[in-house]
Amino acid sequence: MGIDPGTVTSGYGIVDEEGHRIFYVDSGAINTTSKLSFPDRLKKIYDGLEIVISQRRPDAVVLESIFFAKNAQSALKLGHARGVAVLAAVKLGVPVFEYTPLEIKQSVVGYGLAEKGQVQQMVKTLLKLEVVPKPHDASDALAAAICHIHSSRMREAAKGAGIRPGTGVKRQK
C-alpha cells in the first residue's frame, strides 16, 4: 500500500503481485477541509488510513522519503501528515518503507526526472487501467506501491545471486 500524505488530501493506493504481474486492488483519498482545525485534520487522516489499513491488511506501507515544500510552514504541516500515516501503519503492525521521489519515478517510468503526468500514465499502463487514477494523490500512492514491489524483486534477485544489498558486490564464501 502506497500513501501520498497531505494535509488537504492524502492519497492511498493498493496493488498486489502474483508471479511477476502487478494488479490494481484499490485507491482513493482521505479529504479534509479548511473548516477543521489542523489537529482535527490530522485525526481525520489518521482515522481514514487506519480504516483502510485495517480492512485491506497490506504487507507493507510505502511513502516518499523526502518532500519539498514552498515554505517552512508547509513543510512542517506535511511532516505531520507523514507522521500520522507512519503511525497508522506501525500501530497496526505493518512495516513502513520509504523511497525517494527519484527512486519511485525511476522504478515506474524508467527515468528519475519524469514529469508527474508521465508517472500517472505509466501507473495506468502498468496496472492496465482504463483511466489515470484520481485524484493525483492516489496515482502517486500507487506509484510508490509499484516501486516497492519492483525494489523487493531486485533485493530478492540480489540475495539469490549472493550480492550484498546496496553494494553490487558478491558475498565472500
Protein backbone atom coordinates (compact mmCIF):
# COMPACT_ATOMS: atom_id res chain seq x y z
CA MET A 1 0.00 0.00 0.00
CA GLY A 2 1.37 3.35 -1.02
CA ILE A 3 0.40 6.56 0.76
CA ASP A 4 0.82 10.10 -0.56
CA PRO A 5 0.18 12.13 2.59
CA GLY A 6 -1.10 15.67 2.55
CA THR A 7 -3.00 17.89 4.95
CA VAL A 8 -5.84 18.52 2.48
CA THR A 9 -5.80 15.24 0.56
CA SER A 10 -3.97 12.04 1.49
CA GLY A 11 -3.98 9.53 -1.33
CA TYR A 12 -3.63 5.80 -0.96
CA GLY A 13 -3.13 3.05 -3.50
CA ILE A 14 -3.05 -0.69 -3.07
CA VAL A 15 -1.57 -3.17 -5.50
CA ASP A 16 -0.95 -6.89 -5.34
CA GLU A 17 1.57 -9.14 -7.01
CA GLU A 18 1.10 -12.59 -8.45
CA GLY A 19 4.11 -14.12 -10.11
CA HIS A 20 5.69 -11.21 -11.91
CA ARG A 21 2.44 -9.35 -12.54
CA ILE A 22 1.16 -6.39 -10.56
CA PHE A 23 -2.57 -5.92 -10.11
CA TYR A 24 -4.63 -2.93 -9.05
CA VAL A 25 -6.60 -3.55 -5.85
CA ASP A 26 -7.88 -0.19 -4.65
CA SER A 27 -7.12 3.51 -4.46
CA GLY A 28 -8.67 6.65 -3.12
CA ALA A 29 -8.15 9.60 -0.87
CA ILE A 30 -8.92 10.90 2.56
CA ASN A 31 -10.05 14.50 2.17
CA THR A 32 -10.10 17.14 4.86
CA THR A 33 -11.44 20.66 4.84
CA SER A 34 -10.07 24.01 5.91
CA LYS A 35 -13.07 24.29 8.23
CA LEU A 36 -11.39 21.73 10.51
CA SER A 37 -8.64 22.71 12.91
CA PHE A 38 -5.21 21.33 12.00
CA PRO A 39 -5.27 18.71 14.79
CA ASP A 40 -8.73 17.59 13.62
CA ARG A 41 -7.43 17.28 10.04
CA LEU A 42 -4.62 15.04 11.28
CA LYS A 43 -7.12 12.94 13.22
CA LYS A 44 -9.30 12.55 10.12
CA ILE A 45 -6.28 11.45 8.06
CA TYR A 46 -5.20 9.00 10.77
CA ASP A 47 -8.69 7.57 11.22
CA GLY A 48 -9.17 7.17 7.46
CA LEU A 49 -5.83 5.45 6.94
CA GLU A 50 -6.40 3.22 9.96
CA ILE A 51 -9.69 2.03 8.44
CA VAL A 52 -8.13 1.32 5.02
CA ILE A 53 -5.13 -0.47 6.54
CA SER A 54 -7.36 -2.50 8.90
CA GLN A 55 -9.68 -3.55 6.08
CA ARG A 56 -7.06 -4.25 3.40
CA ARG A 57 -4.26 -5.65 5.62
CA PRO A 58 -1.36 -4.73 3.31
CA ASP A 59 2.03 -6.44 3.69
CA ALA A 60 3.76 -3.05 3.69
CA VAL A 61 3.11 0.68 3.62
CA VAL A 62 5.26 2.85 1.36
CA LEU A 63 5.83 6.63 1.41
CA GLU A 64 8.15 9.07 -0.31
CA SER A 65 11.16 9.54 1.96
CA ILE A 66 11.65 13.24 1.36
CA PHE A 67 9.41 16.04 0.34
CA PHE A 68 9.73 19.61 -0.80
CA ALA A 69 7.52 22.48 0.22
CA LYS A 70 7.35 26.09 -0.81
CA ASN A 71 7.90 27.30 2.73
CA ALA A 72 8.83 26.02 6.17
CA GLN A 73 5.23 26.12 7.44
CA SER A 74 4.08 23.87 4.57
CA ALA A 75 6.98 21.50 5.19
CA LEU A 76 6.11 21.21 8.87
CA LYS A 77 2.44 20.51 8.15
CA LEU A 78 3.32 17.90 5.55
CA GLY A 79 5.72 16.31 8.02
CA HIS A 80 2.84 15.99 10.48
CA ALA A 81 0.70 14.25 7.83
CA ARG A 82 3.57 11.85 7.05
CA GLY A 83 3.93 11.10 10.76
CA VAL A 84 0.25 10.31 11.06
CA ALA A 85 0.49 7.92 8.08
CA VAL A 86 3.52 6.17 9.58
CA LEU A 87 1.80 5.90 12.96
CA ALA A 88 -1.35 4.37 11.46
CA ALA A 89 0.72 1.66 9.76
CA VAL A 90 3.04 0.93 12.69
CA LYS A 91 0.18 0.82 15.18
CA LEU A 92 -1.44 -1.91 13.07
CA GLY A 93 1.83 -3.85 12.77
CA VAL A 94 2.52 -3.05 9.11
CA PRO A 95 6.15 -2.34 8.19
CA VAL A 96 6.87 1.04 6.60
CA PHE A 97 9.26 1.59 3.69
CA GLU A 98 10.42 4.86 2.18
CA TYR A 99 11.76 5.67 -1.28
CA THR A 100 12.96 8.94 -2.72
CA PRO A 101 10.89 10.59 -5.47
CA LEU A 102 13.77 9.80 -7.84
CA GLU A 103 13.63 6.08 -6.94
CA ILE A 104 9.87 5.96 -7.43
CA LYS A 105 10.00 7.68 -10.81
CA GLN A 106 12.94 5.52 -11.92
CA SER A 107 11.10 2.37 -10.91
CA VAL A 108 7.79 3.26 -12.53
CA VAL A 109 8.84 5.25 -15.61
CA GLY A 110 12.49 4.26 -16.04
CA TYR A 111 13.57 7.88 -15.71
CA GLY A 112 14.15 9.52 -12.34
CA LEU A 113 13.30 13.02 -13.56
CA ALA A 114 9.98 12.05 -15.15
CA GLU A 115 7.11 14.52 -15.01
CA LYS A 116 4.06 13.85 -12.84
CA GLY A 117 1.92 13.18 -15.95
CA GLN A 118 4.39 10.57 -17.19
CA VAL A 119 4.26 8.76 -13.85
CA GLN A 120 0.45 8.81 -13.90
CA GLN A 121 0.33 7.40 -17.43
CA MET A 122 2.76 4.61 -16.54
CA VAL A 123 0.72 3.73 -13.43
CA LYS A 124 -2.32 3.45 -15.71
CA THR A 125 -0.39 1.30 -18.19
CA LEU A 126 1.32 -0.98 -15.65
CA LEU A 127 -1.94 -1.65 -13.82
CA LYS A 128 -3.93 -1.99 -17.07
CA LEU A 129 -6.44 0.67 -16.01
CA GLU A 130 -8.86 2.42 -18.34
CA VAL A 131 -8.11 5.86 -16.88
CA VAL A 132 -5.47 7.52 -14.72
CA PRO A 133 -6.45 7.07 -11.06
CA LYS A 134 -7.94 10.17 -9.48
CA PRO A 135 -7.12 12.20 -7.52
CA HIS A 136 -3.44 12.52 -8.48
CA ASP A 137 -2.56 11.76 -4.85
CA ALA A 138 -3.97 8.23 -5.33
CA SER A 139 -1.95 7.81 -8.53
CA ASP A 140 1.22 8.92 -6.70
CA ALA A 141 0.45 6.45 -3.91
CA LEU A 142 0.05 3.62 -6.45
CA ALA A 143 3.42 4.58 -7.96
CA ALA A 144 5.06 4.26 -4.54
CA ALA A 145 3.49 0.82 -4.06
CA ILE A 146 4.67 -0.31 -7.51
CA CYS A 147 8.18 0.95 -6.70
CA HIS A 148 8.24 -1.16 -3.55
CA ILE A 149 7.29 -4.31 -5.44
CA HIS A 150 9.96 -3.65 -8.07
CA SER A 151 12.55 -2.92 -5.38
CA SER A 152 11.60 -6.05 -3.44
CA ARG A 153 12.13 -8.12 -6.59
CA MET A 154 15.58 -6.57 -7.03
CA ARG A 155 16.52 -7.29 -3.39
CA GLU A 156 15.43 -10.91 -3.79
CA ALA A 157 17.36 -11.27 -7.07
CA ALA A 158 20.48 -9.79 -5.47
CA LYS A 159 20.14 -12.06 -2.46
CA GLY A 160 19.77 -15.09 -4.73
CA ALA A 161 22.87 -14.06 -6.67
CA GLY A 162 24.85 -13.69 -3.45
CA ILE A 163 25.18 -9.91 -3.78
CA ARG A 164 25.27 -7.82 -0.64
CA PRO A 165 22.30 -5.41 -0.71
CA GLY A 166 23.18 -1.88 -1.77
CA THR A 167 26.76 -2.75 -2.79
CA GLY A 168 26.66 -4.69 -6.05
CA VAL A 169 29.50 -6.78 -4.54
CA LYS A 170 29.27 -10.56 -4.35
CA ARG A 171 29.41 -12.03 -0.87
CA GLN A 172 32.54 -13.92 0.08
CA LYS A 173 32.02 -17.60 0.90
